[in-house]
């Protein structure tokens, strides 16, 4: 019976240097509509489980923000940026737009961007 490869931090860290990522070779078929949004991600430390298990005082929570840009026509994720919790939508927008391949015809976002 074959053993399944474990997907954990150690395995991924060991294999990461061997990973070759092909450059983005997409060509824009014309101007696209770009839908942008962001969400907060809680960063958990290695000892959070111990605090929960033993009822220790909670430490300050750390957050990151993931900003994404999607082409609604193709459903493809065309740009993404991970920032600290202190960077809002307007601050992340220039870097996010720099990662878009092709021209943007229309830009859709909520009021925070």
PDB file of N, CA and C in Angstrom:
ATOM      1  N   UNK A   1       0.847  -1.183   0.000  1.00  0.00           N
ATOM      2  CA  UNK A   1       0.000   0.000   0.000  1.00  0.00           C
ATOM      3  C   UNK A   1       0.889   1.241   0.000  1.00  0.00           C
ATOM      4  N   UNK A   2       0.555   2.190  -0.857  1.00  0.00           N
ATOM      5  CA  UNK A   2       1.330   3.433  -0.941  1.00  0.00           C
ATOM      6  C   UNK A   2       0.996   4.348   0.229  1.00  0.00           C
ATOM      7  N   UNK A   3       2.020   5.005   0.736  1.00  0.00           N
ATOM      8  CA  UNK A   3       1.761   5.980   1.794  1.00  0.00           C
ATOM      9  C   UNK A   3       1.502   7.340   1.147  1.00  0.00           C
ATOM     10  N   UNK A   4       0.581   8.050   1.708  1.00  0.00           N
ATOM     11  CA  UNK A   4       0.249   9.380   1.193  1.00  0.00           C
ATOM     12  C   UNK A   4       1.280  10.387   1.689  1.00  0.00           C
ATOM     13  N   UNK A   5       1.646  11.304   0.824  1.00  0.00           N
ATOM     14  CA  UNK A   5       2.583  12.359   1.214  1.00  0.00           C
ATOM     15  C   UNK A   5       1.905  13.295   2.206  1.00  0.00           C
ATOM     16  N   UNK A   6       2.600  13.609   3.257  1.00  0.00           N
ATOM     17  CA  UNK A   6       2.053  14.525   4.242  1.00  0.00           C
ATOM     18  C   UNK A   6       2.222  15.953   3.756  1.00  0.00           C
ATOM     19  N   UNK A   7       1.184  16.735   3.841  1.00  0.00           N
ATOM     20  CA  UNK A   7       1.252  18.141   3.478  1.00  0.00           C
ATOM     21  C   UNK A   7       1.255  18.958   4.756  1.00  0.00           C
ATOM     22  N   UNK A   8       2.432  19.156   5.290  1.00  0.00           N
ATOM     23  CA  UNK A   8       2.577  19.961   6.482  1.00  0.00           C
ATOM     24  C   UNK A   8       3.672  20.993   6.235  1.00  0.00           C
ATOM     25  N   UNK A   9       3.903  21.832   7.202  1.00  0.00           N
ATOM     26  CA  UNK A   9       4.855  22.926   7.030  1.00  0.00           C
ATOM     27  C   UNK A   9       6.255  22.416   6.694  1.00  0.00           C
ATOM     28  N   UNK A  10       6.704  21.376   7.386  1.00  0.00           N
ATOM     29  CA  UNK A  10       8.058  20.860   7.152  1.00  0.00           C
ATOM     30  C   UNK A  10       8.216  20.327   5.733  1.00  0.00           C
ATOM     31  N   UNK A  11       7.228  19.577   5.271  1.00  0.00           N
ATOM     32  CA  UNK A  11       7.292  19.024   3.924  1.00  0.00           C
ATOM     33  C   UNK A  11       7.278  20.131   2.883  1.00  0.00           C
ATOM     34  N   UNK A  12       6.396  21.103   3.056  1.00  0.00           N
ATOM     35  CA  UNK A  12       6.314  22.201   2.098  1.00  0.00           C
ATOM     36  C   UNK A  12       7.586  23.039   2.106  1.00  0.00           C
ATOM     37  N   UNK A  13       8.161  23.276   3.281  1.00  0.00           N
ATOM     38  CA  UNK A  13       9.396  24.060   3.374  1.00  0.00           C
ATOM     39  C   UNK A  13      10.559  23.354   2.685  1.00  0.00           C
ATOM     40  N   UNK A  14      10.598  22.044   2.830  1.00  0.00           N
ATOM     41  CA  UNK A  14      11.671  21.262   2.215  1.00  0.00           C
ATOM     42  C   UNK A  14      11.540  21.243   0.687  1.00  0.00           C
ATOM     43  N   UNK A  15      10.315  21.197   0.189  1.00  0.00           N
ATOM     44  CA  UNK A  15      10.093  21.104  -1.256  1.00  0.00           C
ATOM     45  C   UNK A  15      10.045  22.457  -1.955  1.00  0.00           C
ATOM     46  N   UNK A  16       9.846  23.532  -1.239  1.00  0.00           N
ATOM     47  CA  UNK A  16       9.686  24.858  -1.843  1.00  0.00           C
ATOM     48  C   UNK A  16      10.855  25.277  -2.718  1.00  0.00           C
ATOM     49  N   UNK A  17      12.126  25.052  -2.325  1.00  0.00           N
ATOM     50  CA  UNK A  17      13.238  25.469  -3.196  1.00  0.00           C
ATOM     51  C   UNK A  17      13.257  24.737  -4.541  1.00  0.00           C
ATOM     52  N   UNK A  18      12.651  23.565  -4.601  1.00  0.00           N
ATOM     53  CA  UNK A  18      12.638  22.791  -5.843  1.00  0.00           C
ATOM     54  C   UNK A  18      11.497  23.178  -6.779  1.00  0.00           C
ATOM     55  N   UNK A  19      10.576  23.969  -6.276  1.00  0.00           N
ATOM     56  CA  UNK A  19       9.398  24.338  -7.054  1.00  0.00           C
ATOM     57  C   UNK A  19       9.744  25.404  -8.085  1.00  0.00           C
ATOM     58  N   UNK A  20       9.399  25.130  -9.324  1.00  0.00           N
ATOM     59  CA  UNK A  20       9.606  26.105 -10.388  1.00  0.00           C
ATOM     60  C   UNK A  20       8.253  26.680 -10.786  1.00  0.00           C
ATOM     61  N   UNK A  21       8.143  27.984 -10.703  1.00  0.00           N
ATOM     62  CA  UNK A  21       6.895  28.650 -11.052  1.00  0.00           C
ATOM     63  C   UNK A  21       7.066  29.301 -12.408  1.00  0.00           C
ATOM     64  N   UNK A  22       6.202  28.910 -13.328  1.00  0.00           N
ATOM     65  CA  UNK A  22       6.278  29.454 -14.683  1.00  0.00           C
ATOM     66  C   UNK A  22       5.783  30.893 -14.673  1.00  0.00           C
ATOM     67  N   UNK A  23       6.409  31.757 -15.458  1.00  0.00           N
ATOM     68  CA  UNK A  23       5.938  33.145 -15.530  1.00  0.00           C
ATOM     69  C   UNK A  23       4.537  33.204 -16.143  1.00  0.00           C
ATOM     70  N   UNK A  24       3.851  34.252 -15.811  1.00  0.00           N
ATOM     71  CA  UNK A  24       2.497  34.449 -16.328  1.00  0.00           C
ATOM     72  C   UNK A  24       2.575  34.781 -17.816  1.00  0.00           C
ATOM     73  N   UNK A  25       2.029  33.914 -18.642  1.00  0.00           N
ATOM     74  CA  UNK A  25       2.102  34.110 -20.096  1.00  0.00           C
ATOM     75  C   UNK A  25       0.740  34.423 -20.709  1.00  0.00           C
ATOM     76  N   UNK A  26      -0.216  34.739 -19.848  1.00  0.00           N
ATOM     77  CA  UNK A  26      -1.540  35.077 -20.374  1.00  0.00           C
ATOM     78  C   UNK A  26      -1.467  36.340 -21.203  1.00  0.00           C
ATOM     79  N   UNK A  27      -2.250  36.370 -22.241  1.00  0.00           N
ATOM     80  CA  UNK A  27      -2.355  37.588 -23.037  1.00  0.00           C
ATOM     81  C   UNK A  27      -3.777  38.092 -22.904  1.00  0.00           C
ATOM     82  N   UNK A  28      -3.909  39.351 -22.709  1.00  0.00           N
ATOM     83  CA  UNK A  28      -5.229  39.932 -22.537  1.00  0.00           C
ATOM     84  C   UNK A  28      -5.968  39.925 -23.869  1.00  0.00           C
ATOM     85  N   UNK A  29      -7.223  39.485 -23.823  1.00  0.00           N
ATOM     86  CA  UNK A  29      -8.031  39.450 -25.038  1.00  0.00           C
ATOM     87  C   UNK A  29      -8.747  40.780 -25.250  1.00  0.00           C
ATOM     88  N   UNK A  30      -8.496  41.719 -24.408  1.00  0.00           N
ATOM     89  CA  UNK A  30      -9.132  43.023 -24.484  1.00  0.00           C
ATOM     90  C   UNK A  30      -9.240  43.589 -23.085  1.00  0.00           C
ATOM     91  N   UNK A  31      -9.759  44.784 -22.965  1.00  0.00           N
ATOM     92  CA  UNK A  31      -9.898  45.379 -21.631  1.00  0.00           C
ATOM     93  C   UNK A  31     -10.820  44.527 -20.749  1.00  0.00           C
ATOM     94  N   UNK A  32     -10.458  44.394 -19.483  1.00  0.00           N
ATOM     95  CA  UNK A  32     -11.254  43.569 -18.575  1.00  0.00           C
ATOM     96  C   UNK A  32     -11.916  44.412 -17.498  1.00  0.00           C
ATOM     97  N   UNK A  33     -12.930  43.837 -16.910  1.00  0.00           N
ATOM     98  CA  UNK A  33     -13.541  44.392 -15.714  1.00  0.00           C
ATOM     99  C   UNK A  33     -12.810  43.764 -14.539  1.00  0.00           C
ATOM    100  N   UNK A  34     -12.441  44.568 -13.575  1.00  0.00           N
ATOM    101  CA  UNK A  34     -11.716  44.063 -12.411  1.00  0.00           C
ATOM    102  C   UNK A  34     -12.555  44.302 -11.161  1.00  0.00           C
ATOM    103  N   UNK A  35     -12.862  43.222 -10.453  1.00  0.00           N
ATOM    104  CA  UNK A  35     -13.592  43.296  -9.193  1.00  0.00           C
ATOM    105  C   UNK A  35     -12.583  43.094  -8.067  1.00  0.00           C
ATOM    106  N   UNK A  36     -12.519  44.049  -7.136  1.00  0.00           N
ATOM    107  CA  UNK A  36     -11.516  44.023  -6.066  1.00  0.00           C
ATOM    108  C   UNK A  36     -12.214  43.982  -4.712  1.00  0.00           C
ATOM    109  N   UNK A  37     -11.685  43.145  -3.825  1.00  0.00           N
ATOM    110  CA  UNK A  37     -12.174  43.088  -2.455  1.00  0.00           C
ATOM    111  C   UNK A  37     -11.040  42.618  -1.557  1.00  0.00           C
ATOM    112  N   UNK A  38     -11.237  42.723  -0.261  1.00  0.00           N
ATOM    113  CA  UNK A  38     -10.217  42.258   0.678  1.00  0.00           C
ATOM    114  C   UNK A  38     -10.898  41.626   1.877  1.00  0.00           C
ATOM    115  N   UNK A  39     -10.135  40.802   2.588  1.00  0.00           N
ATOM    116  CA  UNK A  39     -10.646  40.159   3.782  1.00  0.00           C
ATOM    117  C   UNK A  39      -9.517  40.044   4.801  1.00  0.00           C
ATOM    118  N   UNK A  40      -9.882  40.010   6.056  1.00  0.00           N
ATOM    119  CA  UNK A  40      -8.890  39.865   7.120  1.00  0.00           C
ATOM    120  C   UNK A  40      -8.624  38.401   7.413  1.00  0.00           C
ATOM    121  N   UNK A  41      -7.375  38.076   7.691  1.00  0.00           N
ATOM    122  CA  UNK A  41      -6.975  36.715   8.034  1.00  0.00           C
ATOM    123  C   UNK A  41      -6.286  36.743   9.389  1.00  0.00           C
ATOM    124  N   UNK A  42      -6.746  35.928  10.307  1.00  0.00           N
ATOM    125  CA  UNK A  42      -6.122  35.872  11.630  1.00  0.00           C
ATOM    126  C   UNK A  42      -4.860  35.026  11.551  1.00  0.00           C
ATOM    127  N   UNK A  43      -3.783  35.540  12.087  1.00  0.00           N
ATOM    128  CA  UNK A  43      -2.519  34.814  12.129  1.00  0.00           C
ATOM    129  C   UNK A  43      -2.417  34.181  13.505  1.00  0.00           C
ATOM    130  N   UNK A  44      -2.305  32.871  13.529  1.00  0.00           N
ATOM    131  CA  UNK A  44      -2.231  32.146  14.804  1.00  0.00           C
ATOM    132  C   UNK A  44      -0.801  31.758  15.081  1.00  0.00           C
ATOM    133  N   UNK A  45      -0.395  31.944  16.306  1.00  0.00           N
ATOM    134  CA  UNK A  45       0.942  31.544  16.720  1.00  0.00           C
ATOM    135  C   UNK A  45       0.971  30.088  17.128  1.00  0.00           C
ATOM    136  N   UNK A  46       2.139  29.561  17.335  1.00  0.00           N
ATOM    137  CA  UNK A  46       2.296  28.159  17.692  1.00  0.00           C
ATOM    138  C   UNK A  46       1.769  27.801  19.063  1.00  0.00           C
ATOM    139  N   UNK A  47       1.591  28.784  19.927  1.00  0.00           N
ATOM    140  CA  UNK A  47       1.151  28.482  21.293  1.00  0.00           C
ATOM    141  C   UNK A  47      -0.309  28.848  21.544  1.00  0.00           C
ATOM    142  N   UNK A  48      -1.037  29.228  20.516  1.00  0.00           N
ATOM    143  CA  UNK A  48      -2.452  29.568  20.705  1.00  0.00           C
ATOM    144  C   UNK A  48      -3.245  28.379  21.236  1.00  0.00           C
ATOM    145  N   UNK A  49      -2.936  27.188  20.754  1.00  0.00           N
ATOM    146  CA  UNK A  49      -3.659  26.008  21.214  1.00  0.00           C
ATOM    147  C   UNK A  49      -3.430  25.787  22.707  1.00  0.00           C
ATOM    148  N   UNK A  50      -2.219  26.114  23.197  1.00  0.00           N
ATOM    149  CA  UNK A  50      -1.907  25.926  24.607  1.00  0.00           C
ATOM    150  C   UNK A  50      -2.706  26.910  25.462  1.00  0.00           C
ATOM    151  N   UNK A  51      -2.825  28.134  24.974  1.00  0.00           N
ATOM    152  CA  UNK A  51      -3.606  29.136  25.709  1.00  0.00           C
ATOM    153  C   UNK A  51      -5.066  28.709  25.811  1.00  0.00           C
ATOM    154  N   UNK A  52      -5.613  28.196  24.698  1.00  0.00           N
ATOM    155  CA  UNK A  52      -7.012  27.757  24.701  1.00  0.00           C
ATOM    156  C   UNK A  52      -7.203  26.547  25.610  1.00  0.00           C
ATOM    157  N   UNK A  53      -6.295  25.592  25.551  1.00  0.00           N
ATOM    158  CA  UNK A  53      -6.412  24.354  26.318  1.00  0.00           C
ATOM    159  C   UNK A  53      -6.329  24.605  27.821  1.00  0.00           C
ATOM    160  N   UNK A  54      -5.393  25.449  28.240  1.00  0.00           N
ATOM    161  CA  UNK A  54      -5.148  25.665  29.666  1.00  0.00           C
ATOM    162  C   UNK A  54      -5.804  26.928  30.217  1.00  0.00           C
ATOM    163  N   UNK A  55      -6.539  27.633  29.393  1.00  0.00           N
ATOM    164  CA  UNK A  55      -7.245  28.812  29.865  1.00  0.00           C
ATOM    165  C   UNK A  55      -6.350  29.981  30.220  1.00  0.00           C
ATOM    166  N   UNK A  56      -5.216  30.094  29.568  1.00  0.00           N
ATOM    167  CA  UNK A  56      -4.292  31.199  29.821  1.00  0.00           C
ATOM    168  C   UNK A  56      -4.831  32.480  29.193  1.00  0.00           C
ATOM    169  N   UNK A  57      -4.362  33.622  29.666  1.00  0.00           N
ATOM    170  CA  UNK A  57      -4.832  34.884  29.078  1.00  0.00           C
ATOM    171  C   UNK A  57      -4.503  34.943  27.585  1.00  0.00           C
ATOM    172  N   UNK A  58      -5.423  35.498  26.846  1.00  0.00           N
ATOM    173  CA  UNK A  58      -5.234  35.589  25.398  1.00  0.00           C
ATOM    174  C   UNK A  58      -4.251  36.700  25.052  1.00  0.00           C
ATOM    175  N   UNK A  59      -3.400  36.409  24.110  1.00  0.00           N
ATOM    176  CA  UNK A  59      -2.450  37.401  23.617  1.00  0.00           C
ATOM    177  C   UNK A  59      -3.145  38.265  22.570  1.00  0.00           C
ATOM    178  N   UNK A  60      -2.524  39.359  22.229  1.00  0.00           N
ATOM    179  CA  UNK A  60      -3.074  40.241  21.197  1.00  0.00           C
ATOM    180  C   UNK A  60      -3.142  39.492  19.870  1.00  0.00           C
ATOM    181  N   UNK A  61      -4.270  39.574  19.215  1.00  0.00           N
ATOM    182  CA  UNK A  61      -4.434  38.888  17.938  1.00  0.00           C
ATOM    183  C   UNK A  61      -3.722  39.655  16.827  1.00  0.00           C
ATOM    184  N   UNK A  62      -3.115  38.904  15.924  1.00  0.00           N
ATOM    185  CA  UNK A  62      -2.437  39.492  14.781  1.00  0.00           C
ATOM    186  C   UNK A  62      -3.241  39.171  13.538  1.00  0.00           C
ATOM    187  N   UNK A  63      -3.382  40.150  12.663  1.00  0.00           N
ATOM    188  CA  UNK A  63      -4.171  39.995  11.451  1.00  0.00           C
ATOM    189  C   UNK A  63      -3.360  40.384  10.230  1.00  0.00           C
ATOM    190  N   UNK A  64      -3.703  39.817   9.105  1.00  0.00           N
ATOM    191  CA  UNK A  64      -3.199  40.214   7.794  1.00  0.00           C
ATOM    192  C   UNK A  64      -4.414  40.514   6.929  1.00  0.00           C
ATOM    193  N   UNK A  65      -4.202  41.220   5.854  1.00  0.00           N
ATOM    194  CA  UNK A  65      -5.289  41.472   4.908  1.00  0.00           C
ATOM    195  C   UNK A  65      -4.910  40.901   3.556  1.00  0.00           C
ATOM    196  N   UNK A  66      -5.842  40.169   2.959  1.00  0.00           N
ATOM    197  CA  UNK A  66      -5.650  39.623   1.628  1.00  0.00           C
ATOM    198  C   UNK A  66      -6.515  40.442   0.676  1.00  0.00           C
ATOM    199  N   UNK A  67      -5.870  41.087  -0.282  1.00  0.00           N
ATOM    200  CA  UNK A  67      -6.557  41.895  -1.292  1.00  0.00           C
ATOM    201  C   UNK A  67      -6.516  41.107  -2.600  1.00  0.00           C
ATOM    202  N   UNK A  68      -7.665  40.933  -3.242  1.00  0.00           N
ATOM    203  CA  UNK A  68      -7.712  40.163  -4.484  1.00  0.00           C
ATOM    204  C   UNK A  68      -8.438  40.933  -5.578  1.00  0.00           C
ATOM    205  N   UNK A  69      -8.050  40.648  -6.806  1.00  0.00           N
ATOM    206  CA  UNK A  69      -8.705  41.203  -7.988  1.00  0.00           C
ATOM    207  C   UNK A  69      -9.129  40.060  -8.893  1.00  0.00           C
ATOM    208  N   UNK A  70     -10.396  40.030  -9.283  1.00  0.00           N
ATOM    209  CA  UNK A  70     -10.959  38.943 -10.083  1.00  0.00           C
ATOM    210  C   UNK A  70     -11.547  39.503 -11.365  1.00  0.00           C
ATOM    211  N   UNK A  71     -11.356  38.767 -12.466  1.00  0.00           N
ATOM    212  CA  UNK A  71     -12.010  39.069 -13.734  1.00  0.00           C
ATOM    213  C   UNK A  71     -13.322  38.296 -13.735  1.00  0.00           C
ATOM    214  N   UNK A  72     -14.474  38.977 -13.614  1.00  0.00           N
ATOM    215  CA  UNK A  72     -15.742  38.251 -13.500  1.00  0.00           C
ATOM    216  C   UNK A  72     -16.127  37.502 -14.781  1.00  0.00           C
ATOM    217  N   UNK A  73     -15.618  37.932 -15.923  1.00  0.00           N
ATOM    218  CA  UNK A  73     -15.951  37.264 -17.185  1.00  0.00           C
ATOM    219  C   UNK A  73     -15.358  35.852 -17.230  1.00  0.00           C
ATOM    220  N   UNK A  74     -14.081  35.728 -16.830  1.00  0.00           N
ATOM    221  CA  UNK A  74     -13.430  34.422 -16.865  1.00  0.00           C
ATOM    222  C   UNK A  74     -13.474  33.717 -15.511  1.00  0.00           C
ATOM    223  N   UNK A  75     -13.758  34.477 -14.441  1.00  0.00           N
ATOM    224  CA  UNK A  75     -13.757  33.909 -13.100  1.00  0.00           C
ATOM    225  C   UNK A  75     -12.353  33.686 -12.564  1.00  0.00           C
ATOM    226  N   UNK A  76     -11.368  34.274 -13.219  1.00  0.00           N
ATOM    227  CA  UNK A  76      -9.970  34.061 -12.874  1.00  0.00           C
ATOM    228  C   UNK A  76      -9.463  35.111 -11.890  1.00  0.00           C
ATOM    229  N   UNK A  77      -8.669  34.663 -10.941  1.00  0.00           N
ATOM    230  CA  UNK A  77      -7.994  35.560 -10.013  1.00  0.00           C
ATOM    231  C   UNK A  77      -6.806  36.152 -10.756  1.00  0.00           C
ATOM    232  N   UNK A  78      -6.806  37.460 -10.962  1.00  0.00           N
ATOM    233  CA  UNK A  78      -5.767  38.091 -11.777  1.00  0.00           C
ATOM    234  C   UNK A  78      -4.736  38.863 -10.962  1.00  0.00           C
ATOM    235  N   UNK A  79      -5.021  39.145  -9.702  1.00  0.00           N
ATOM    236  CA  UNK A  79      -4.066  39.867  -8.870  1.00  0.00           C
ATOM    237  C   UNK A  79      -4.375  39.598  -7.405  1.00  0.00           C
ATOM    238  N   UNK A  80      -3.308  39.558  -6.591  1.00  0.00           N
ATOM    239  CA  UNK A  80      -3.499  39.392  -5.148  1.00  0.00           C
ATOM    240  C   UNK A  80      -2.308  39.994  -4.412  1.00  0.00           C
ATOM    241  N   UNK A  81      -2.563  40.512  -3.231  1.00  0.00           N
ATOM    242  CA  UNK A  81      -1.525  41.064  -2.366  1.00  0.00           C
ATOM    243  C   UNK A  81      -1.898  40.755  -0.924  1.00  0.00           C
ATOM    244  N   UNK A  82      -0.901  40.356  -0.136  1.00  0.00           N
ATOM    245  CA  UNK A  82      -1.082  40.118   1.281  1.00  0.00           C
ATOM    246  C   UNK A  82      -0.361  41.229   2.022  1.00  0.00           C
ATOM    247  N   UNK A  83      -1.086  41.960   2.866  1.00  0.00           N
ATOM    248  CA  UNK A  83      -0.515  43.101   3.570  1.00  0.00           C
ATOM    249  C   UNK A  83      -0.748  42.966   5.071  1.00  0.00           C
ATOM    250  N   UNK A  84      -0.184  43.887   5.829  1.00  0.00           N
ATOM    251  CA  UNK A  84      -0.434  43.908   7.267  1.00  0.00           C
ATOM    252  C   UNK A  84      -1.838  44.434   7.515  1.00  0.00           C
ATOM    253  N   UNK A  85      -2.267  44.322   8.748  1.00  0.00           N
ATOM    254  CA  UNK A  85      -3.616  44.772   9.100  1.00  0.00           C
ATOM    255  C   UNK A  85      -3.784  46.287   8.977  1.00  0.00           C
ATOM    256  N   UNK A  86      -2.688  47.011   8.932  1.00  0.00           N
ATOM    257  CA  UNK A  86      -2.745  48.468   8.908  1.00  0.00           C
ATOM    258  C   UNK A  86      -2.879  49.049   7.505  1.00  0.00           C
ATOM    259  N   UNK A  87      -2.773  48.216   6.479  1.00  0.00           N
ATOM    260  CA  UNK A  87      -2.886  48.691   5.097  1.00  0.00           C
ATOM    261  C   UNK A  87      -4.323  48.486   4.641  1.00  0.00           C
ATOM    262  N   UNK A  88      -4.991  49.579   4.317  1.00  0.00           N
ATOM    263  CA  UNK A  88      -6.367  49.504   3.851  1.00  0.00           C
ATOM    264  C   UNK A  88      -6.442  49.309   2.345  1.00  0.00           C
ATOM    265  N   UNK A  89      -7.654  49.304   1.831  1.00  0.00           N
ATOM    266  CA  UNK A  89      -7.866  49.129   0.402  1.00  0.00           C
ATOM    267  C   UNK A  89      -7.166  50.153  -0.468  1.00  0.00           C
ATOM    268  N   UNK A  90      -7.291  51.451  -0.164  1.00  0.00           N
ATOM    269  CA  UNK A  90      -6.619  52.453  -1.000  1.00  0.00           C
ATOM    270  C   UNK A  90      -5.092  52.316  -0.999  1.00  0.00           C
ATOM    271  N   UNK A  91      -4.512  51.880   0.113  1.00  0.00           N
ATOM    272  CA  UNK A  91      -3.063  51.724   0.185  1.00  0.00           C
ATOM    273  C   UNK A  91      -2.550  50.524  -0.598  1.00  0.00           C
ATOM    274  N   UNK A  92      -3.367  49.485  -0.709  1.00  0.00           N
ATOM    275  CA  UNK A  92      -2.952  48.262  -1.411  1.00  0.00           C
ATOM    276  C   UNK A  92      -3.269  48.320  -2.899  1.00  0.00           C
ATOM    277  N   UNK A  93      -4.122  49.242  -3.303  1.00  0.00           N
ATOM    278  CA  UNK A  93      -4.593  49.287  -4.682  1.00  0.00           C
ATOM    279  C   UNK A  93      -3.495  49.486  -5.731  1.00  0.00           C
ATOM    280  N   UNK A  94      -2.539  50.395  -5.558  1.00  0.00           N
ATOM    281  CA  UNK A  94      -1.501  50.556  -6.588  1.00  0.00           C
ATOM    282  C   UNK A  94      -0.699  49.279  -6.842  1.00  0.00           C
ATOM    283  N   UNK A  95      -0.305  48.581  -5.784  1.00  0.00           N
ATOM    284  CA  UNK A  95       0.432  47.325  -5.951  1.00  0.00           C
ATOM    285  C   UNK A  95      -0.448  46.244  -6.572  1.00  0.00           C
ATOM    286  N   UNK A  96      -1.717  46.229  -6.202  1.00  0.00           N
ATOM    287  CA  UNK A  96      -2.643  45.247  -6.756  1.00  0.00           C
ATOM    288  C   UNK A  96      -2.826  45.462  -8.257  1.00  0.00           C
ATOM    289  N   UNK A  97      -3.005  46.711  -8.658  1.00  0.00           N
ATOM    290  CA  UNK A  97      -3.182  47.014 -10.082  1.00  0.00           C
ATOM    291  C   UNK A  97      -1.903  46.763 -10.879  1.00  0.00           C
ATOM    292  N   UNK A  98      -0.753  46.931 -10.253  1.00  0.00           N
ATOM    293  CA  UNK A  98       0.516  46.678 -10.939  1.00  0.00           C
ATOM    294  C   UNK A  98       0.664  45.200 -11.299  1.00  0.00           C
ATOM    295  N   UNK A  99      -0.011  44.325 -10.563  1.00  0.00           N
ATOM    296  CA  UNK A  99       0.076  42.896 -10.825  1.00  0.00           C
ATOM    297  C   UNK A  99      -0.883  42.400 -11.887  1.00  0.00           C
ATOM    298  N   UNK A 100      -1.732  43.264 -12.404  1.00  0.00           N
ATOM    299  CA  UNK A 100      -2.720  42.860 -13.410  1.00  0.00           C
ATOM    300  C   UNK A 100      -2.075  42.835 -14.788  1.00  0.00           C
ATOM    301  N   UNK A 101      -2.257  41.729 -15.503  1.00  0.00           N
ATOM    302  CA  UNK A 101      -1.766  41.610 -16.877  1.00  0.00           C
ATOM    303  C   UNK A 101      -2.884  42.083 -17.799  1.00  0.00           C
ATOM    304  N   UNK A 102      -2.604  43.076 -18.605  1.00  0.00           N
ATOM    305  CA  UNK A 102      -3.620  43.600 -19.523  1.00  0.00           C
ATOM    306  C   UNK A 102      -4.219  44.901 -19.038  1.00  0.00           C
ATOM    307  N   UNK A 103      -5.150  45.393 -19.822  1.00  0.00           N
ATOM    308  CA  UNK A 103      -5.800  46.671 -19.506  1.00  0.00           C
ATOM    309  C   UNK A 103      -7.073  46.454 -18.719  1.00  0.00           C
ATOM    310  N   UNK A 104      -7.358  47.391 -17.826  1.00  0.00           N
ATOM    311  CA  UNK A 104      -8.579  47.356 -17.031  1.00  0.00           C
ATOM    312  C   UNK A 104      -9.541  48.389 -17.593  1.00  0.00           C
ATOM    313  N   UNK A 105     -10.699  47.918 -18.044  1.00  0.00           N
ATOM    314  CA  UNK A 105     -11.714  48.785 -18.627  1.00  0.00           C
ATOM    315  C   UNK A 105     -12.624  49.367 -17.545  1.00  0.00           C
ATOM    316  N   UNK A 106     -13.012  48.514 -16.611  1.00  0.00           N
ATOM    317  CA  UNK A 106     -13.926  48.922 -15.546  1.00  0.00           C
ATOM    318  C   UNK A 106     -13.407  48.363 -14.229  1.00  0.00           C
ATOM    319  N   UNK A 107     -13.563  49.148 -13.162  1.00  0.00           N
ATOM    320  CA  UNK A 107     -13.078  48.787 -11.844  1.00  0.00           C
ATOM    321  C   UNK A 107     -14.248  48.800 -10.895  1.00  0.00           C
ATOM    322  N   UNK A 108     -14.490  47.688 -10.186  1.00  0.00           N
ATOM    323  CA  UNK A 108     -15.598  47.590  -9.245  1.00  0.00           C
ATOM    324  C   UNK A 108     -15.040  47.233  -7.869  1.00  0.00           C
ATOM    325  N   UNK A 109     -15.428  48.009  -6.850  1.00  0.00           N
ATOM    326  CA  UNK A 109     -14.985  47.748  -5.477  1.00  0.00           C
ATOM    327  C   UNK A 109     -16.038  48.284  -4.507  1.00  0.00           C
ATOM    328  N   UNK A 110     -15.901  47.904  -3.246  1.00  0.00           N
ATOM    329  CA  UNK A 110     -16.819  48.447  -2.241  1.00  0.00           C
ATOM    330  C   UNK A 110     -16.333  49.831  -1.806  1.00  0.00           C
ATOM    331  N   UNK A 111     -17.005  50.418  -0.851  1.00  0.00           N
ATOM    332  CA  UNK A 111     -16.712  51.801  -0.454  1.00  0.00           C
ATOM    333  C   UNK A 111     -15.362  51.960   0.239  1.00  0.00           C
ATOM    334  N   UNK A 112     -14.769  50.861   0.722  1.00  0.00           N
ATOM    335  CA  UNK A 112     -13.508  50.994   1.466  1.00  0.00           C
ATOM    336  C   UNK A 112     -12.294  51.131   0.546  1.00  0.00           C
ATOM    337  N   UNK A 113     -12.451  50.912  -0.741  1.00  0.00           N
ATOM    338  CA  UNK A 113     -11.306  51.001  -1.661  1.00  0.00           C
ATOM    339  C   UNK A 113     -11.297  52.339  -2.355  1.00  0.00           C
TER     340      UNK A 113
END
